[in-house]
C-alpha atoms as a PDB file:
ATOM      1  CA  MET A   1      58.976  12.142 -48.114  1.00  0.00           C
ATOM      2  CA  ALA A   2      56.760  14.105 -45.713  1.00  0.00           C
ATOM      3  CA  SER A   3      54.260  11.242 -45.670  1.00  0.00           C
ATOM      4  CA  ARG A   4      56.976   8.718 -44.804  1.00  0.00           C
ATOM      5  CA  ARG A   5      58.281  10.956 -42.028  1.00  0.00           C
ATOM      6  CA  MET A   6      54.808  11.316 -40.532  1.00  0.00           C
ATOM      7  CA  ASN A   7      54.270   7.561 -40.674  1.00  0.00           C
ATOM      8  CA  ARG A   8      57.537   7.039 -38.783  1.00  0.00           C
ATOM      9  CA  ARG A   9      56.426   9.595 -36.210  1.00  0.00           C
ATOM     10  CA  LEU A  10      53.100   7.859 -35.717  1.00  0.00           C
ATOM     11  CA  LEU A  11      54.756   4.457 -35.429  1.00  0.00           C
ATOM     12  CA  PHE A  12      57.232   5.684 -32.802  1.00  0.00           C
ATOM     13  CA  ALA A  13      54.549   7.487 -30.812  1.00  0.00           C
ATOM     14  CA  GLY A  14      52.226   4.504 -31.029  1.00  0.00           C
ATOM     15  CA  CYS A  15      54.923   2.120 -29.807  1.00  0.00           C
ATOM     16  CA  VAL A  16      55.562   4.328 -26.791  1.00  0.00           C
ATOM     17  CA  LEU A  17      51.922   4.925 -25.902  1.00  0.00           C
ATOM     18  CA  ALA A  18      51.142   1.253 -26.301  1.00  0.00           C
ATOM     19  CA  ILE A  19      53.094   0.531 -23.118  1.00  0.00           C
ATOM     20  CA  LEU A  20      51.798   3.356 -20.927  1.00  0.00           C
ATOM     21  CA  HIS A  21      49.309   3.808 -18.116  1.00  0.00           C
ATOM     22  CA  ARG A  22      46.998   0.867 -18.529  1.00  0.00           C
ATOM     23  CA  PRO A  23      44.605  -0.458 -15.878  1.00  0.00           C
ATOM     24  CA  GLU A  24      46.525  -2.919 -13.765  1.00  0.00           C
ATOM     25  CA  GLN A  25      45.629  -6.583 -13.531  1.00  0.00           C
ATOM     26  CA  ALA A  26      43.420  -6.564 -10.453  1.00  0.00           C
ATOM     27  CA  LEU A  27      44.370  -9.896  -8.981  1.00  0.00           C
ATOM     28  CA  ALA A  28      48.106  -9.299  -9.210  1.00  0.00           C
ATOM     29  CA  GLN A  29      47.826  -5.628  -8.127  1.00  0.00           C
ATOM     30  CA  PHE A  30      50.697  -4.820 -10.480  1.00  0.00           C
ATOM     31  CA  THR A  31      51.297  -1.486 -12.085  1.00  0.00           C
ATOM     32  CA  ASP A  32      52.877  -2.475 -15.396  1.00  0.00           C
ATOM     33  CA  ALA A  33      56.480  -1.750 -16.293  1.00  0.00           C
ATOM     34  CA  HIS A  34      57.004   1.432 -18.333  1.00  0.00           C
ATOM     35  CA  ALA A  35      53.791   2.897 -16.933  1.00  0.00           C
ATOM     36  CA  TYR A  36      55.465   6.283 -16.329  1.00  0.00           C
ATOM     37  CA  ASP A  37      57.396   6.736 -19.577  1.00  0.00           C
ATOM     38  CA  ASN A  38      56.867   9.971 -21.445  1.00  0.00           C
ATOM     39  CA  GLY A  39      54.677   9.962 -24.582  1.00  0.00           C
ATOM     40  CA  PRO A  40      52.936  12.406 -26.945  1.00  0.00           C
ATOM     41  CA  VAL A  41      49.820  14.335 -25.936  1.00  0.00           C
ATOM     42  CA  GLY A  42      46.552  14.577 -27.859  1.00  0.00           C
ATOM     43  CA  VAL A  43      46.338  10.795 -28.198  1.00  0.00           C
ATOM     44  CA  ASN A  44      43.675   8.270 -27.145  1.00  0.00           C
ATOM     45  CA  GLN A  45      44.008   4.617 -26.214  1.00  0.00           C
ATOM     46  CA  LEU A  46      41.435   1.829 -26.037  1.00  0.00           C
ATOM     47  CA  GLU A  47      42.435  -1.326 -24.185  1.00  0.00           C
ATOM     48  CA  MET A  48      40.818  -4.755 -23.996  1.00  0.00           C
ATOM     49  CA  ASP A  49      42.155  -7.255 -21.461  1.00  0.00           C
ATOM     50  CA  TYR A  50      41.659 -10.885 -20.611  1.00  0.00           C
ATOM     51  CA  ALA A  51      43.013 -12.468 -17.409  1.00  0.00           C
ATOM     52  CA  PHE A  52      42.849 -16.003 -16.016  1.00  0.00           C
ATOM     53  CA  VAL A  53      43.627 -16.382 -12.306  1.00  0.00           C
ATOM     54  CA  HIS A  54      43.523 -19.406 -10.025  1.00  0.00           C
ATOM     55  CA  GLY A  55      43.782 -19.119  -6.250  1.00  0.00           C
ATOM     56  CA  ASN A  56      41.964 -18.233  -3.040  1.00  0.00           C
ATOM     57  CA  ALA A  57      40.856 -14.674  -3.904  1.00  0.00           C
ATOM     58  CA  SER A  58      37.889 -13.407  -5.867  1.00  0.00           C
ATOM     59  CA  VAL A  59      37.993 -10.264  -8.003  1.00  0.00           C
ATOM     60  CA  ASP A  60      38.934  -8.174  -4.932  1.00  0.00           C
ATOM     61  CA  PRO A  61      42.707  -8.798  -4.670  1.00  0.00           C
ATOM     62  CA  SER A  62      43.120  -7.485  -1.132  1.00  0.00           C
ATOM     63  CA  LEU A  63      41.133 -10.213   0.665  1.00  0.00           C
ATOM     64  CA  ILE A  64      41.393 -13.986   0.701  1.00  0.00           C
ATOM     65  CA  VAL A  65      38.514 -16.432   0.928  1.00  0.00           C
ATOM     66  CA  ALA A  66      39.676 -18.989   3.499  1.00  0.00           C
ATOM     67  CA  GLY A  67      39.824 -22.535   2.151  1.00  0.00           C
ATOM     68  CA  ALA A  68      38.712 -21.425  -1.295  1.00  0.00           C
ATOM     69  CA  ASN A  69      39.781 -22.947  -4.594  1.00  0.00           C
ATOM     70  CA  LEU A  70      38.622 -20.377  -7.111  1.00  0.00           C
ATOM     71  CA  THR A  71      39.014 -19.680 -10.813  1.00  0.00           C
ATOM     72  CA  VAL A  72      38.470 -16.227 -12.260  1.00  0.00           C
ATOM     73  CA  ASN A  73      38.098 -15.395 -15.943  1.00  0.00           C
ATOM     74  CA  GLU A  74      38.076 -11.635 -16.275  1.00  0.00           C
ATOM     75  CA  GLY A  75      37.755  -9.309 -19.231  1.00  0.00           C
ATOM     76  CA  ALA A  76      38.014  -5.526 -19.107  1.00  0.00           C
ATOM     77  CA  ILE A  77      37.680  -2.585 -21.428  1.00  0.00           C
ATOM     78  CA  GLY A  78      39.398   0.726 -20.691  1.00  0.00           C
ATOM     79  CA  TYR A  79      39.897   4.153 -22.233  1.00  0.00           C
ATOM     80  CA  THR A  80      42.818   6.561 -21.672  1.00  0.00           C
ATOM     81  CA  ARG A  81      43.298  10.150 -22.834  1.00  0.00           C
ATOM     82  CA  TYR A  82      46.726  11.870 -22.815  1.00  0.00           C
ATOM     83  CA  PHE A  83      46.872  15.675 -22.623  1.00  0.00           C
ATOM     84  CA  ASP A  84      48.910  18.718 -21.582  1.00  0.00           C
ATOM     85  CA  LEU A  85      48.517  20.071 -18.042  1.00  0.00           C
ATOM     86  CA  PHE A  86      51.024  22.664 -16.796  1.00  0.00           C
ATOM     87  CA  HIS A  87      53.204  21.623 -19.775  1.00  0.00           C
ATOM     88  CA  ARG A  88      53.501  18.068 -18.386  1.00  0.00           C
ATOM     89  CA  LEU A  89      52.215  14.781 -19.814  1.00  0.00           C
ATOM     90  CA  THR A  90      48.955  14.003 -18.005  1.00  0.00           C
ATOM     91  CA  TRP A  91      46.420  11.226 -18.429  1.00  0.00           C
ATOM     92  CA  VAL A  92      42.961  10.169 -17.293  1.00  0.00           C
ATOM     93  CA  GLU A  93      41.714   6.611 -17.502  1.00  0.00           C
ATOM     94  CA  ALA A  94      38.565   4.575 -16.875  1.00  0.00           C
ATOM     95  CA  ALA A  95      37.988   0.814 -17.048  1.00  0.00           C
ATOM     96  CA  VAL A  96      35.119  -1.606 -16.493  1.00  0.00           C
ATOM     97  CA  PRO A  97      35.668  -5.351 -15.900  1.00  0.00           C
ATOM     98  CA  VAL A  98      33.370  -8.297 -16.537  1.00  0.00           C
ATOM     99  CA  ALA A  99      34.204 -11.576 -14.848  1.00  0.00           C
ATOM    100  CA  HIS A 100      33.208 -15.202 -14.345  1.00  0.00           C
ATOM    101  CA  LEU A 101      34.015 -16.572 -10.891  1.00  0.00           C
ATOM    102  CA  GLY A 102      33.642 -20.216  -9.912  1.00  0.00           C
ATOM    103  CA  GLY A 103      34.915 -22.665  -7.331  1.00  0.00           C
ATOM    104  CA  ALA A 104      34.356 -24.182  -3.912  1.00  0.00           C
ATOM    105  CA  ILE A 105      35.417 -23.778  -0.277  1.00  0.00           C
ATOM    106  CA  SER A 106      37.074 -26.783   1.379  1.00  0.00           C
ATOM    107  CA  GLY A 107      35.246 -28.334   4.328  1.00  0.00           C
ATOM    108  CA  THR A 108      31.933 -26.696   3.433  1.00  0.00           C
ATOM    109  CA  SER A 109      29.090 -27.183   1.009  1.00  0.00           C
ATOM    110  CA  VAL A 110      29.757 -23.764  -0.503  1.00  0.00           C
ATOM    111  CA  GLN A 111      30.336 -24.004  -4.219  1.00  0.00           C
ATOM    112  CA  GLY A 112      29.049 -22.394  -7.354  1.00  0.00           C
ATOM    113  CA  LEU A 113      29.707 -19.685  -9.868  1.00  0.00           C
ATOM    114  CA  THR A 114      28.723 -16.151 -10.671  1.00  0.00           C
ATOM    115  CA  ALA A 115      29.199 -13.861 -13.639  1.00  0.00           C
ATOM    116  CA  GLY A 116      28.725 -10.173 -14.256  1.00  0.00           C
ATOM    117  CA  ALA A 117      30.332  -6.768 -13.870  1.00  0.00           C
ATOM    118  CA  GLY A 118      33.132  -6.063 -11.425  1.00  0.00           C
ATOM    119  CA  ASP A 119      34.038  -2.772  -9.778  1.00  0.00           C
ATOM    120  CA  SER A 120      34.915  -0.001 -12.221  1.00  0.00           C
ATOM    121  CA  SER A 121      38.275   1.784 -11.885  1.00  0.00           C
ATOM    122  CA  TYR A 122      39.498   5.310 -12.628  1.00  0.00           C
ATOM    123  CA  GLU A 123      42.903   7.022 -12.631  1.00  0.00           C
ATOM    124  CA  VAL A 124      44.524  10.413 -13.147  1.00  0.00           C
ATOM    125  CA  GLY A 125      48.307  10.820 -13.360  1.00  0.00           C
ATOM    126  CA  ILE A 126      51.029  13.283 -14.298  1.00  0.00           C
ATOM    127  CA  LEU A 127      54.767  13.196 -14.926  1.00  0.00           C
ATOM    128  CA  VAL A 128      56.238  15.841 -12.619  1.00  0.00           C
ATOM    129  CA  LYS A 129      59.814  15.343 -13.867  1.00  0.00           C
ATOM    130  CA  GLY A 130      61.181  14.236 -17.241  1.00  0.00           C
ATOM    131  CA  GLY A 131      57.805  14.356 -18.971  1.00  0.00           C
ATOM    132  CA  PRO A 132      57.348  17.547 -20.998  1.00  0.00           C
ATOM    133  CA  ALA A 133      54.106  17.702 -22.958  1.00  0.00           C
ATOM    134  CA  LEU A 134      55.015  17.135 -26.625  1.00  0.00           C
ATOM    135  CA  ASN A 135      52.955  16.545 -29.733  1.00  0.00           C
ATOM    136  CA  VAL A 136      53.735  13.627 -32.044  1.00  0.00           C
ATOM    137  CA  ALA A 137      56.116  15.619 -34.257  1.00  0.00           C
ATOM    138  CA  GLN A 138      58.020  17.053 -31.272  1.00  0.00           C
ATOM    139  CA  PHE A 139      58.179  13.673 -29.572  1.00  0.00           C
ATOM    140  CA  GLU A 140      60.062  12.167 -32.517  1.00  0.00           C
ATOM    141  CA  ASN A 141      63.291  13.770 -31.274  1.00  0.00           C
ATOM    142  CA  PHE A 142      62.687  13.214 -27.552  1.00  0.00           C
ATOM    143  CA  LYS A 143      65.421  11.289 -25.753  1.00  0.00           C
ATOM    144  CA  PRO A 144      64.201   9.045 -22.892  1.00  0.00           C
ATOM    145  CA  THR A 145      65.312  10.267 -19.494  1.00  0.00           C
ATOM    146  CA  THR A 146      64.613   9.653 -15.832  1.00  0.00           C
ATOM    147  CA  THR A 147      60.987  10.412 -14.985  1.00  0.00           C
ATOM    148  CA  VAL A 148      59.112  10.918 -11.745  1.00  0.00           C
ATOM    149  CA  GLY A 149      55.352  10.542 -11.812  1.00  0.00           C
ATOM    150  CA  VAL A 150      52.411  10.529  -9.448  1.00  0.00           C
ATOM    151  CA  SER A 151      48.938   9.109  -9.910  1.00  0.00           C
ATOM    152  CA  PHE A 152      45.719   8.649  -8.013  1.00  0.00           C
ATOM    153  CA  ALA A 153      43.428   5.717  -8.794  1.00  0.00           C
ATOM    154  CA  PHE A 154      40.199   4.528  -7.255  1.00  0.00           C
ATOM    155  CA  THR A 155      37.620   1.800  -7.708  1.00  0.00           C
ATOM    156  CA  ALA A 156      33.898   2.366  -7.280  1.00  0.00           C
ATOM    157  CA  PRO A 157      31.509  -0.291  -5.872  1.00  0.00           C
ATOM    158  CA  THR A 158      29.683  -0.782  -9.165  1.00  0.00           C
ATOM    159  CA  GLY A 159      30.227  -4.546  -9.353  1.00  0.00           C
ATOM    160  CA  LEU A 160      27.773  -7.347  -8.666  1.00  0.00           C
ATOM    161  CA  TYR A 161      27.523  -7.886  -4.881  1.00  0.00           C
ATOM    162  CA  ASN A 162      25.163 -10.017  -2.803  1.00  0.00           C
ATOM    163  CA  ALA A 163      25.591  -9.666   0.975  1.00  0.00           C
ATOM    164  CA  ASP A 164      24.270 -13.211   1.513  1.00  0.00           C
ATOM    165  CA  LYS A 165      26.973 -14.793  -0.678  1.00  0.00           C
ATOM    166  CA  ILE A 166      30.646 -15.444   0.008  1.00  0.00           C
ATOM    167  CA  LEU A 167      31.647 -15.411  -3.665  1.00  0.00           C
ATOM    168  CA  ASN A 168      31.154 -11.965  -5.172  1.00  0.00           C
ATOM    169  CA  LEU A 169      32.447 -10.008  -8.147  1.00  0.00           C
ATOM    170  CA  GLY A 170      32.093  -6.628  -6.446  1.00  0.00           C
ATOM    171  CA  SER A 171      33.626  -5.568  -3.129  1.00  0.00           C
ATOM    172  CA  ASP A 172      30.825  -3.243  -1.918  1.00  0.00           C
ATOM    173  CA  ARG A 173      33.353  -0.575  -0.904  1.00  0.00           C
ATOM    174  CA  TRP A 174      35.560   2.101  -2.416  1.00  0.00           C
ATOM    175  CA  SER A 175      39.325   1.748  -2.711  1.00  0.00           C
ATOM    176  CA  LEU A 176      41.787   4.616  -3.187  1.00  0.00           C
ATOM    177  CA  LYS A 177      45.362   4.220  -4.403  1.00  0.00           C
ATOM    178  CA  PRO A 178      47.921   7.040  -4.491  1.00  0.00           C
ATOM    179  CA  GLU A 179      51.212   6.118  -6.174  1.00  0.00           C
ATOM    180  CA  ILE A 180      54.618   7.689  -6.752  1.00  0.00           C
ATOM    181  CA  ALA A 181      56.964   6.297  -9.403  1.00  0.00           C
ATOM    182  CA  LEU A 182      60.547   6.570 -10.586  1.00  0.00           C
ATOM    183  CA  SER A 183      61.635   5.298 -14.017  1.00  0.00           C
ATOM    184  CA  HIS A 184      65.296   5.284 -15.032  1.00  0.00           C
ATOM    185  CA  PRO A 185      66.661   4.104 -18.433  1.00  0.00           C
ATOM    186  CA  PHE A 186      70.288   2.977 -18.412  1.00  0.00           C
ATOM    187  CA  GLY A 187      72.932   0.889 -20.172  1.00  0.00           C
ATOM    188  CA  PRO A 188      74.183   0.931 -23.780  1.00  0.00           C
ATOM    189  CA  GLY A 189      71.612   2.660 -25.940  1.00  0.00           C
ATOM    190  CA  GLN A 190      69.384   2.976 -22.830  1.00  0.00           C
ATOM    191  CA  LYS A 191      67.898  -0.409 -23.654  1.00  0.00           C
ATOM    192  CA  TRP A 192      67.548  -1.276 -19.968  1.00  0.00           C
ATOM    193  CA  GLN A 193      65.090   0.398 -17.621  1.00  0.00           C
ATOM    194  CA  LEU A 194      64.383   0.286 -13.897  1.00  0.00           C
ATOM    195  CA  ASP A 195      60.874   1.166 -12.684  1.00  0.00           C
ATOM    196  CA  ALA A 196      60.219   1.571  -8.955  1.00  0.00           C
ATOM    197  CA  TYR A 197      56.746   2.284  -7.562  1.00  0.00           C
ATOM    198  CA  LEU A 198      55.487   3.017  -4.042  1.00  0.00           C
ATOM    199  CA  ASN A 199      51.742   2.873  -3.470  1.00  0.00           C
ATOM    200  CA  ALA A 200      49.093   2.175  -0.874  1.00  0.00           C
ATOM    201  CA  TYR A 201      45.469   1.049  -1.022  1.00  0.00           C
ATOM    202  CA  PHE A 202      42.985   2.715   1.318  1.00  0.00           C
ATOM    203  CA  TYR A 203      39.509   1.240   1.777  1.00  0.00           C
ATOM    204  CA  THR A 204      36.129   2.422   2.921  1.00  0.00           C
ATOM    205  CA  ASP A 205      34.070   0.088   5.115  1.00  0.00           C
ATOM    206  CA  ASN A 206      31.952  -2.715   3.708  1.00  0.00           C
ATOM    207  CA  THR A 207      28.800  -2.471   5.841  1.00  0.00           C
ATOM    208  CA  ALA A 208      27.189  -5.610   4.396  1.00  0.00           C
ATOM    209  CA  TYR A 209      30.041  -8.092   4.781  1.00  0.00           C
ATOM    210  CA  HIS A 210      28.729 -11.667   5.074  1.00  0.00           C
ATOM    211  CA  GLY A 211      25.263 -10.254   5.599  1.00  0.00           C
ATOM    212  CA  ARG A 212      25.203  -7.597   8.328  1.00  0.00           C
ATOM    213  CA  GLU A 213      28.825  -7.474   9.486  1.00  0.00           C
ATOM    214  CA  ILE A 214      31.020  -4.403   9.052  1.00  0.00           C
ATOM    215  CA  LEU A 215      34.393  -5.035   7.444  1.00  0.00           C
ATOM    216  CA  ARG A 216      37.136  -2.485   7.976  1.00  0.00           C
ATOM    217  CA  GLN A 217      40.583  -2.866   6.425  1.00  0.00           C
ATOM    218  CA  LEU A 218      43.773  -0.977   7.233  1.00  0.00           C
ATOM    219  CA  PRO A 219      45.847   0.431   4.339  1.00  0.00           C
ATOM    220  CA  LEU A 220      47.697  -2.129   2.214  1.00  0.00           C
ATOM    221  CA  THR A 221      51.146  -0.757   1.340  1.00  0.00           C
ATOM    222  CA  GLY A 222      53.033  -1.939  -1.736  1.00  0.00           C
ATOM    223  CA  LEU A 223      56.525  -1.693  -3.226  1.00  0.00           C
ATOM    224  CA  GLU A 224      57.153  -2.663  -6.842  1.00  0.00           C
ATOM    225  CA  GLY A 225      60.238  -3.149  -8.956  1.00  0.00           C
ATOM    226  CA  HIS A 226      60.502  -3.812 -12.705  1.00  0.00           C
ATOM    227  CA  ILE A 227      63.622  -4.435 -14.779  1.00  0.00           C
ATOM    228  CA  SER A 228      63.005  -4.378 -18.530  1.00  0.00           C
ATOM    229  CA  TYR A 229      65.071  -4.749 -21.688  1.00  0.00           C
ATOM    230  CA  SER A 230      64.084  -3.278 -25.057  1.00  0.00           C
ATOM    231  CA  VAL A 231      65.002  -5.750 -27.789  1.00  0.00           C
ATOM    232  CA  ASN A 232      64.067  -3.148 -30.419  1.00  0.00           C
ATOM    233  CA  ASP A 233      61.658  -0.226 -30.859  1.00  0.00           C
ATOM    234  CA  SER A 234      58.621  -2.510 -30.814  1.00  0.00           C
ATOM    235  CA  LEU A 235      59.526  -5.250 -28.295  1.00  0.00           C
ATOM    236  CA  TRP A 236      60.512  -5.264 -24.633  1.00  0.00           C
ATOM    237  CA  ILE A 237      60.627  -7.914 -21.906  1.00  0.00           C
ATOM    238  CA  SER A 238      60.428  -7.295 -18.161  1.00  0.00           C
ATOM    239  CA  SER A 239      60.927  -9.081 -14.861  1.00  0.00           C
ATOM    240  CA  ASP A 240      58.471  -7.863 -12.226  1.00  0.00           C
ATOM    241  CA  THR A 241      58.017  -8.108  -8.478  1.00  0.00           C
ATOM    242  CA  ARG A 242      55.624  -6.637  -5.922  1.00  0.00           C
ATOM    243  CA  TYR A 243      55.790  -6.825  -2.133  1.00  0.00           C
ATOM    244  CA  SER A 244      52.761  -5.745  -0.117  1.00  0.00           C
ATOM    245  CA  PHE A 245      52.228  -5.653   3.631  1.00  0.00           C
ATOM    246  CA  ARG A 246      49.828  -4.530   6.394  1.00  0.00           C
ATOM    247  CA  GLY A 247      46.161  -4.507   5.309  1.00  0.00           C
ATOM    248  CA  ALA A 248      44.824  -6.222   8.457  1.00  0.00           C
ATOM    249  CA  THR A 249      41.036  -6.399   8.828  1.00  0.00           C
ATOM    250  CA  VAL A 250      38.544  -5.681  11.605  1.00  0.00           C
ATOM    251  CA  VAL A 251      35.113  -7.330  11.504  1.00  0.00           C
ATOM    252  CA  ASP A 252      32.376  -5.838  13.726  1.00  0.00           C
ATOM    253  CA  GLY A 253      35.051  -4.217  15.873  1.00  0.00           C
ATOM    254  CA  VAL A 254      37.067  -7.436  16.359  1.00  0.00           C
ATOM    255  CA  ASP A 255      40.681  -7.314  15.184  1.00  0.00           C
ATOM    256  CA  GLN A 256      41.303 -10.347  12.949  1.00  0.00           C
ATOM    257  CA  ASP A 257      45.096 -10.272  13.577  1.00  0.00           C
ATOM    258  CA  ASN A 258      45.717 -10.963   9.892  1.00  0.00           C
ATOM    259  CA  ALA A 259      48.252  -8.432   8.647  1.00  0.00           C
ATOM    260  CA  GLN A 260      49.384  -9.447   5.173  1.00  0.00           C
ATOM    261  CA  GLN A 261      52.733 -10.243   3.642  1.00  0.00           C
ATOM    262  CA  ASN A 262      52.609 -10.952  -0.062  1.00  0.00           C
ATOM    263  CA  LEU A 263      55.383 -11.298  -2.640  1.00  0.00           C
ATOM    264  CA  ILE A 264      54.339 -11.655  -6.277  1.00  0.00           C
ATOM    265  CA  VAL A 265      56.777 -12.248  -9.131  1.00  0.00           C
ATOM    266  CA  GLY A 266      56.041 -12.157 -12.812  1.00  0.00           C
ATOM    267  CA  SER A 267      57.101 -11.244 -16.308  1.00  0.00           C
ATOM    268  CA  GLU A 268      55.724  -9.206 -19.200  1.00  0.00           C
ATOM    269  CA  VAL A 269      56.350  -9.172 -22.940  1.00  0.00           C
ATOM    270  CA  LYS A 270      55.222  -6.169 -24.967  1.00  0.00           C
ATOM    271  CA  VAL A 271      54.868  -6.309 -28.767  1.00  0.00           C
ATOM    272  CA  SER A 272      53.947  -3.205 -30.772  1.00  0.00           C
ATOM    273  CA  ILE A 273      52.543  -4.446 -34.086  1.00  0.00           C
ATOM    274  CA  ASN A 274      52.344  -0.978 -35.667  1.00  0.00           C
ATOM    275  CA  SER A 275      51.476   2.606 -34.713  1.00  0.00           C
ATOM    276  CA  LYS A 276      47.919   1.664 -33.729  1.00  0.00           C
ATOM    277  CA  HIS A 277      47.952  -1.933 -32.478  1.00  0.00           C
ATOM    278  CA  SER A 278      49.922  -3.680 -29.733  1.00  0.00           C
ATOM    279  CA  LEU A 279      49.795  -6.725 -27.463  1.00  0.00           C
ATOM    280  CA  LEU A 280      51.072  -7.381 -23.961  1.00  0.00           C
ATOM    281  CA  PHE A 281      51.436 -10.825 -22.348  1.00  0.00           C
ATOM    282  CA  GLU A 282      51.805 -11.170 -18.580  1.00  0.00           C
ATOM    283  CA  VAL A 283      52.264 -14.019 -16.086  1.00  0.00           C
ATOM    284  CA  ALA A 284      52.381 -13.671 -12.289  1.00  0.00           C
ATOM    285  CA  LYS A 285      52.538 -15.910  -9.237  1.00  0.00           C
ATOM    286  CA  ALA A 286      52.449 -15.308  -5.475  1.00  0.00           C
ATOM    287  CA  VAL A 287      55.557 -16.896  -3.929  1.00  0.00           C
ATOM    288  CA  VAL A 288      54.939 -15.534  -0.392  1.00  0.00           C
ATOM    289  CA  HIS A 289      51.332 -15.288   0.780  1.00  0.00           C
ATOM    290  CA  HIS A 290      50.912 -14.852   4.534  1.00  0.00           C
ATOM    291  CA  ASN A 291      47.257 -13.892   5.170  1.00  0.00           C
ATOM    292  CA  SER A 292      47.169 -12.794   1.525  1.00  0.00           C
ATOM    293  CA  PRO A 293      46.084 -14.186  -1.844  1.00  0.00           C
ATOM    294  CA  ASP A 294      47.844 -17.324  -3.106  1.00  0.00           C
ATOM    295  CA  VAL A 295      47.302 -16.820  -6.819  1.00  0.00           C
ATOM    296  CA  VAL A 296      48.780 -17.687 -10.170  1.00  0.00           C
ATOM    297  CA  GLY A 297      47.565 -16.112 -13.374  1.00  0.00           C
ATOM    298  CA  LEU A 298      48.136 -14.863 -16.866  1.00  0.00           C
ATOM    299  CA  ALA A 299      46.813 -11.973 -18.899  1.00  0.00           C
ATOM    300  CA  VAL A 300      46.670 -10.798 -22.500  1.00  0.00           C
ATOM    301  CA  LYS A 301      46.111  -7.125 -23.295  1.00  0.00           C
ATOM    302  CA  TYR A 302      45.336  -5.470 -26.616  1.00  0.00           C
ATOM    303  CA  ASP A 303      45.737  -1.725 -27.174  1.00  0.00           C
ATOM    304  CA  TYR A 304      44.383   0.422 -29.994  1.00  0.00           C
ATOM    305  CA  THR A 305      45.884   3.932 -30.194  1.00  0.00           C
ATOM    306  CA  TRP A 306      44.706   6.886 -32.262  1.00  0.00           C
ATOM    307  CA  GLY A 307      44.935  10.673 -32.317  1.00  0.00           C
ATOM    308  CA  GLN A 308      47.497  13.151 -33.633  1.00  0.00           C
END
């Protein structure tokens, strides 16, 4: 009896953690639905992702390549640790992508492909409301409630970058992303959930842009909304949208007058196979793309969870 109860606890905890705090798909700039749900502490998660994206942006999602017709195949591996800080659920995360980028630029002779490592990403986050730190046994009786969370993520310029090339996997600059989130379950049995996120990307200068130019980019602000429905304890479906704006660039002191407006819509399906293994499927498309990436893509993510 005790063994069965523990197995149920592990399954429930695994299903919850399988949908939390994963590295976002870079080209869509999404934070996934359910990213700020509460979950048990003392648990680890390994994630492996694959994304296919077609459009006019390389691995850096904040800049377009004018006239480009590009295809990106990107894989990533990430690790997340969940722990107790000030009696709140807290997590740290790191991820490294590897990508293959190919395509051409209309009206020029520029074409080709490149493959290698992209910029690595890191995140720390905490639930400041509705997220008490609970172990697996305690979490079994936890009732989902409204949560408020904050996180800080950044990417480091560790990716492959050649100043003489237009097509690059790295961005040769740091990006910083603070985010605040509200998640609210509602409806019969709390099967529905609304997730709302406010974030902004801040960038350091790229001092080797197109050779010797200096690229400066203003903050890119984003608003996200996710509506999801839990079919059962191991399956949910979401409808997702992200609107981003600002993010104009200055090259060698010359304002490019290219403030962005970008609306991306998409959907996710999350399947928890058991307490350790889960899959997430995601599709996304830019429906408004003024001075911003015109992309369409899909992703598959696999999570392996272990710990208490």
